[in-house]
Each structure stands twice: as structure tokens, then as C-alpha cells.
């Protein structure tokens, strides 16, 4: 296989989607982010809105929760593998690092930012209510942690799971994208 995949796991509101697209643009390869939901919807026969609202959500009904979460996860995993088979790309979120781990060569990246930076970004970029943004981010983080742990029995934020961990609040989006690009290119040359 002559191609590599960049997987980007990220805390909500740390800029993962935008940075993923910047990296892909710099490298001239596709980026798969929200489009995974649309493709998973076709595979699973669930609506894109349903998947988006429930992919990392735990309901009050354990049996329903497990059944639907597994269905969503399997559909997304199939789409992620299909995207990876097509060639070099950036895949943002959805446990892509673990889904592809044993089948495809990946540069695994984790993006984080200080909680206050994420709160400011969630308000300014995503229009979240300033009075409720802290609770929203905490809930989003818990959902991602549980989803990751449920399917991979490992800690989502553990730096040992990644090749590269970057603080986007400190570095900014452009520098973060440039660093990921640099590490990726060095890896292609066999220096990383």
C-alpha cells in the first residue's frame, strides 16, 4: 500500500474539522468529516440527522442505546474503511484511528485546547449559548469518551494512543495544520 491516512481525534471546539480540511488542502488529498455521516446514513438506512444526534449519545434505554450505537458505529466504520481504501486522506473523528489501526498505515493525531479557549470558540464559531457552553462542552467530552471506550476499551484522551498531540488554542489552526503536514511528509520520506 503506497498511501497513508491521517486520522484526527479532537475535543469538541478545538478546531478538528477545520484543521482536517486545511491539512487535506495543503496535501492535495480528500478530507472526510461530516460526509461520513451522510454515507453511513445510506449504509444503515438511518437519517443523517438521527446519526448526528445519536452517534455519541447515551439514551435512558440501555438495550436501545447499545443496539443503535452499534449500528451507527458499524456503518461509520465501514464508510471509514472504504474511504481509506481509496487512497491517502484525512479522516476526522469517529474513532477512525482505531477503526483503521490494524489495516492501514496511519498518522494518528489528537487535537485539544484549553477549556476556556474551547468555550470561546464554541460561542463565536458554533453559536453556543455563553451561559450553557461549559456544561455543553463537558457533556460532549463525556460522550466522546464513552463512545471511544465502548468500542475500543482505551482512553480517548490518552496521549500514548497517538503519534502527535497538539494544543490548537496555543498553536492556532494554520500552525497546527502546518505541523501535521510536516510530520506527514517526513513520514512519507521515511524520516518519522
Foldseek 3Di string as FASTA:
>chain_A
DQFEEEEEEEQQQQCQVVLQCVLCVVVVHAEAELVLLVQLCVVLVHDSVVCVVQLLDADPDNVVNVVVNVSSLVSSLVSLVVSVVVHYGYYYDSPSCVSCVPPGHYQYEYEYAPLVSSLVSCCPPVVDDNVCSSVVSVVRLVSSQCSCCVVPVDGPPPPVSGPYYYHCNVQPSVRVSVVVNVVVVCVSVVND
